[in-house]
PDB file of N, CA and C in Angstrom:
ATOM      1  N   UNK A   1     124.228 100.227  58.024  1.00  0.00           N
ATOM      2  CA  UNK A   1     123.185 100.146  57.591  1.00  0.00           C
ATOM      3  C   UNK A   1     122.797 101.682  58.659  1.00  0.00           C
ATOM      4  N   UNK A   2     122.388 102.728  58.249  1.00  0.00           N
ATOM      5  CA  UNK A   2     121.764 104.175  58.685  1.00  0.00           C
ATOM      6  C   UNK A   2     120.463 104.387  58.576  1.00  0.00           C
ATOM      7  N   UNK A   3     120.060 104.816  59.581  1.00  0.00           N
ATOM      8  CA  UNK A   3     118.607 105.193  60.267  1.00  0.00           C
ATOM      9  C   UNK A   3     118.685 106.470  59.475  1.00  0.00           C
ATOM     10  N   UNK A   4     117.052 106.060  59.381  1.00  0.00           N
ATOM     11  CA  UNK A   4     116.541 107.288  58.694  1.00  0.00           C
ATOM     12  C   UNK A   4     117.000 109.073  59.576  1.00  0.00           C
ATOM     13  N   UNK A   5     116.334 108.499  61.000  1.00  0.00           N
ATOM     14  CA  UNK A   5     116.622 109.646  61.549  1.00  0.00           C
ATOM     15  C   UNK A   5     117.490 109.308  62.665  1.00  0.00           C
ATOM     16  N   UNK A   6     118.038 110.099  63.527  1.00  0.00           N
ATOM     17  CA  UNK A   6     118.844 109.791  64.438  1.00  0.00           C
ATOM     18  C   UNK A   6     117.828 109.350  65.285  1.00  0.00           C
ATOM     19  N   UNK A   7     118.426 108.175  66.835  1.00  0.00           N
ATOM     20  CA  UNK A   7     117.424 107.842  67.446  1.00  0.00           C
ATOM     21  C   UNK A   7     117.771 108.820  68.717  1.00  0.00           C
ATOM     22  N   UNK A   8     116.462 109.439  69.185  1.00  0.00           N
ATOM     23  CA  UNK A   8     116.038 110.327  70.543  1.00  0.00           C
ATOM     24  C   UNK A   8     116.534 109.348  71.833  1.00  0.00           C
ATOM     25  N   UNK A   9     117.575 109.415  72.401  1.00  0.00           N
ATOM     26  CA  UNK A   9     117.541 108.326  73.743  1.00  0.00           C
ATOM     27  C   UNK A   9     116.628 109.064  74.642  1.00  0.00           C
ATOM     28  N   UNK A  10     116.473 110.206  74.505  1.00  0.00           N
ATOM     29  CA  UNK A  10     115.885 111.042  76.203  1.00  0.00           C
ATOM     30  C   UNK A  10     114.619 110.801  75.824  1.00  0.00           C
ATOM     31  N   UNK A  11     114.054 110.493  74.919  1.00  0.00           N
ATOM     32  CA  UNK A  11     113.094 110.525  74.174  1.00  0.00           C
ATOM     33  C   UNK A  11     112.692 108.826  74.891  1.00  0.00           C
ATOM     34  N   UNK A  12     113.263 108.053  73.809  1.00  0.00           N
ATOM     35  CA  UNK A  12     113.102 106.397  74.542  1.00  0.00           C
ATOM     36  C   UNK A  12     113.064 106.424  75.906  1.00  0.00           C
ATOM     37  N   UNK A  13     114.013 107.153  76.349  1.00  0.00           N
ATOM     38  CA  UNK A  13     114.266 106.672  78.234  1.00  0.00           C
ATOM     39  C   UNK A  13     113.164 107.120  78.722  1.00  0.00           C
ATOM     40  N   UNK A  14     112.503 108.106  78.529  1.00  0.00           N
ATOM     41  CA  UNK A  14     111.251 108.991  79.206  1.00  0.00           C
ATOM     42  C   UNK A  14     110.188 107.553  78.877  1.00  0.00           C
ATOM     43  N   UNK A  15     110.030 107.381  77.524  1.00  0.00           N
ATOM     44  CA  UNK A  15     109.024 106.648  77.102  1.00  0.00           C
ATOM     45  C   UNK A  15     108.777 105.264  78.287  1.00  0.00           C
ATOM     46  N   UNK A  16     110.676 104.455  78.012  1.00  0.00           N
ATOM     47  CA  UNK A  16     110.381 103.377  78.855  1.00  0.00           C
ATOM     48  C   UNK A  16     110.199 103.667  80.547  1.00  0.00           C
ATOM     49  N   UNK A  17     111.002 104.281  80.881  1.00  0.00           N
ATOM     50  CA  UNK A  17     110.766 104.994  82.561  1.00  0.00           C
ATOM     51  C   UNK A  17     109.174 104.713  82.816  1.00  0.00           C
ATOM     52  N   UNK A  18     108.610 105.295  81.724  1.00  0.00           N
ATOM     53  CA  UNK A  18     106.869 106.022  81.952  1.00  0.00           C
ATOM     54  C   UNK A  18     106.354 104.752  82.367  1.00  0.00           C
ATOM     55  N   UNK A  19     106.907 104.124  80.857  1.00  0.00           N
ATOM     56  CA  UNK A  19     105.790 102.320  81.209  1.00  0.00           C
ATOM     57  C   UNK A  19     105.966 101.347  82.182  1.00  0.00           C
ATOM     58  N   UNK A  20     107.600 101.425  83.219  1.00  0.00           N
ATOM     59  CA  UNK A  20     108.309 100.665  84.060  1.00  0.00           C
ATOM     60  C   UNK A  20     106.652 101.503  85.377  1.00  0.00           C
ATOM     61  N   UNK A  21     106.876 103.172  85.177  1.00  0.00           N
ATOM     62  CA  UNK A  21     106.320 103.504  86.112  1.00  0.00           C
ATOM     63  C   UNK A  21     104.559 103.033  86.510  1.00  0.00           C
ATOM     64  N   UNK A  22     104.591 102.929  85.336  1.00  0.00           N
ATOM     65  CA  UNK A  22     103.008 102.473  84.849  1.00  0.00           C
ATOM     66  C   UNK A  22     102.671 101.148  85.485  1.00  0.00           C
ATOM     67  N   UNK A  23     103.946 100.175  85.195  1.00  0.00           N
ATOM     68  CA  UNK A  23     103.415  98.785  85.279  1.00  0.00           C
ATOM     69  C   UNK A  23     104.005  98.885  87.110  1.00  0.00           C
ATOM     70  N   UNK A  24     104.675  99.278  87.199  1.00  0.00           N
ATOM     71  CA  UNK A  24     104.624  99.569  89.012  1.00  0.00           C
ATOM     72  C   UNK A  24     103.259  99.639  89.930  1.00  0.00           C
ATOM     73  N   UNK A  25     102.681 101.036  88.914  1.00  0.00           N
ATOM     74  CA  UNK A  25     101.720 101.360  89.611  1.00  0.00           C
ATOM     75  C   UNK A  25     100.458 100.161  89.229  1.00  0.00           C
ATOM     76  N   UNK A  26     100.533  99.564  88.630  1.00  0.00           N
ATOM     77  CA  UNK A  26      99.776  98.443  88.593  1.00  0.00           C
ATOM     78  C   UNK A  26     100.039  97.213  89.633  1.00  0.00           C
ATOM     79  N   UNK A  27     100.999  97.107  89.413  1.00  0.00           N
ATOM     80  CA  UNK A  27     101.276  95.940  90.628  1.00  0.00           C
ATOM     81  C   UNK A  27     101.352  96.113  91.759  1.00  0.00           C
ATOM     82  N   UNK A  28     101.926  97.400  92.572  1.00  0.00           N
ATOM     83  CA  UNK A  28     101.149  98.184  93.529  1.00  0.00           C
ATOM     84  C   UNK A  28      99.598  97.991  94.105  1.00  0.00           C
ATOM     85  N   UNK A  29      98.990  98.102  92.811  1.00  0.00           N
ATOM     86  CA  UNK A  29      97.810  98.281  93.079  1.00  0.00           C
ATOM     87  C   UNK A  29      97.044  96.888  93.432  1.00  0.00           C
ATOM     88  N   UNK A  30      97.727  95.680  92.728  1.00  0.00           N
ATOM     89  CA  UNK A  30      97.109  94.477  92.668  1.00  0.00           C
ATOM     90  C   UNK A  30      97.783  94.067  94.199  1.00  0.00           C
ATOM     91  N   UNK A  31      98.744  94.635  94.464  1.00  0.00           N
ATOM     92  CA  UNK A  31      99.163  94.031  96.053  1.00  0.00           C
ATOM     93  C   UNK A  31      98.485  95.017  96.991  1.00  0.00           C
ATOM     94  N   UNK A  32      97.354  96.280  96.992  1.00  0.00           N
ATOM     95  CA  UNK A  32      96.881  96.513  98.157  1.00  0.00           C
ATOM     96  C   UNK A  32      95.502  95.838  98.039  1.00  0.00           C
ATOM     97  N   UNK A  33      94.948  95.543  96.248  1.00  0.00           N
ATOM     98  CA  UNK A  33      93.749  94.788  96.424  1.00  0.00           C
ATOM     99  C   UNK A  33      94.081  93.511  97.729  1.00  0.00           C
ATOM    100  N   UNK A  34      95.287  92.751  97.176  1.00  0.00           N
ATOM    101  CA  UNK A  34      95.192  91.913  97.649  1.00  0.00           C
ATOM    102  C   UNK A  34      95.394  91.383  99.460  1.00  0.00           C
ATOM    103  N   UNK A  35      95.957  92.589  99.929  1.00  0.00           N
ATOM    104  CA  UNK A  35      96.274  92.845 100.874  1.00  0.00           C
ATOM    105  C   UNK A  35      94.416  92.929 101.419  1.00  0.00           C
ATOM    106  N   UNK A  36      94.051  94.197 101.067  1.00  0.00           N
ATOM    107  CA  UNK A  36      92.480  94.031 101.636  1.00  0.00           C
ATOM    108  C   UNK A  36      91.877  92.986 101.636  1.00  0.00           C
ATOM    109  N   UNK A  37      92.299  92.347 100.555  1.00  0.00           N
ATOM    110  CA  UNK A  37      90.805  90.497 100.958  1.00  0.00           C
ATOM    111  C   UNK A  37      91.789  90.179 101.352  1.00  0.00           C
ATOM    112  N   UNK A  38      93.369  89.911 101.961  1.00  0.00           N
ATOM    113  CA  UNK A  38      93.280  89.101 103.286  1.00  0.00           C
ATOM    114  C   UNK A  38      93.263  89.907 104.506  1.00  0.00           C
ATOM    115  N   UNK A  39      93.053  90.850 104.463  1.00  0.00           N
ATOM    116  CA  UNK A  39      92.508  91.801 105.705  1.00  0.00           C
ATOM    117  C   UNK A  39      91.068  91.329 106.061  1.00  0.00           C
ATOM    118  N   UNK A  40      90.065  90.836 105.181  1.00  0.00           N
ATOM    119  CA  UNK A  40      89.077  90.840 104.837  1.00  0.00           C
ATOM    120  C   UNK A  40      88.528  89.390 105.682  1.00  0.00           C
ATOM    121  N   UNK A  41      89.418  88.942 104.647  1.00  0.00           N
ATOM    122  CA  UNK A  41      89.210  87.051 105.297  1.00  0.00           C
ATOM    123  C   UNK A  41      89.700  86.999 106.841  1.00  0.00           C
ATOM    124  N   UNK A  42      90.653  87.478 107.011  1.00  0.00           N
ATOM    125  CA  UNK A  42      91.366  87.714 108.179  1.00  0.00           C
ATOM    126  C   UNK A  42      90.199  87.719 109.552  1.00  0.00           C
ATOM    127  N   UNK A  43      89.847  89.442 109.607  1.00  0.00           N
ATOM    128  CA  UNK A  43      88.322  89.168 110.070  1.00  0.00           C
ATOM    129  C   UNK A  43      87.282  88.926 110.032  1.00  0.00           C
ATOM    130  N   UNK A  44      87.207  88.041 109.019  1.00  0.00           N
ATOM    131  CA  UNK A  44      85.879  86.807 109.123  1.00  0.00           C
ATOM    132  C   UNK A  44      86.148  85.708 109.781  1.00  0.00           C
ATOM    133  N   UNK A  45      87.610  85.579 109.815  1.00  0.00           N
ATOM    134  CA  UNK A  45      87.910  84.107 110.628  1.00  0.00           C
ATOM    135  C   UNK A  45      88.171  84.582 111.791  1.00  0.00           C
ATOM    136  N   UNK A  46      88.556  85.684 111.991  1.00  0.00           N
ATOM    137  CA  UNK A  46      88.819  86.685 113.849  1.00  0.00           C
ATOM    138  C   UNK A  46      87.312  86.100 114.143  1.00  0.00           C
ATOM    139  N   UNK A  47      86.247  86.687 113.859  1.00  0.00           N
ATOM    140  CA  UNK A  47      84.931  86.418 113.959  1.00  0.00           C
ATOM    141  C   UNK A  47      84.490  84.818 114.404  1.00  0.00           C
ATOM    142  N   UNK A  48      84.709  84.634 113.697  1.00  0.00           N
ATOM    143  CA  UNK A  48      84.366  82.476 113.729  1.00  0.00           C
ATOM    144  C   UNK A  48      85.092  82.283 115.014  1.00  0.00           C
ATOM    145  N   UNK A  49      86.360  82.866 115.441  1.00  0.00           N
ATOM    146  CA  UNK A  49      86.746  82.012 116.435  1.00  0.00           C
ATOM    147  C   UNK A  49      85.954  83.146 117.814  1.00  0.00           C
ATOM    148  N   UNK A  50      86.038  84.100 117.404  1.00  0.00           N
ATOM    149  CA  UNK A  50      85.327  85.057 118.521  1.00  0.00           C
ATOM    150  C   UNK A  50      84.045  83.949 118.791  1.00  0.00           C
ATOM    151  N   UNK A  51      83.366  83.831 117.807  1.00  0.00           N
ATOM    152  CA  UNK A  51      81.725  83.282 118.106  1.00  0.00           C
ATOM    153  C   UNK A  51      82.224  81.700 118.912  1.00  0.00           C
ATOM    154  N   UNK A  52      83.183  81.420 118.375  1.00  0.00           N
ATOM    155  CA  UNK A  52      83.429  79.842 118.816  1.00  0.00           C
ATOM    156  C   UNK A  52      83.373  80.013 120.437  1.00  0.00           C
ATOM    157  N   UNK A  53      84.632  80.944 120.866  1.00  0.00           N
ATOM    158  CA  UNK A  53      85.178  80.953 121.908  1.00  0.00           C
ATOM    159  C   UNK A  53      83.918  81.486 122.955  1.00  0.00           C
ATOM    160  N   UNK A  54      82.672  82.160 122.315  1.00  0.00           N
ATOM    161  CA  UNK A  54      81.671  82.613 123.318  1.00  0.00           C
ATOM    162  C   UNK A  54      80.873  81.641 123.262  1.00  0.00           C
ATOM    163  N   UNK A  55      80.799  80.629 122.443  1.00  0.00           N
ATOM    164  CA  UNK A  55      79.703  79.406 122.745  1.00  0.00           C
ATOM    165  C   UNK A  55      80.771  78.219 123.670  1.00  0.00           C
TER     166      UNK A  55
END
């Protein structure tokens, strides 16, 4: 079985690597959001603890 046109491996590699970079970027963004949420929750908790200590 012969392909109509030869496979351009450079182009294939480029598209797959840019796809991987995009996925990596999405994951990093998600991690950043989760960390920010966690920091926000920790600040709330520490404020609660501080108010309890004051009382």
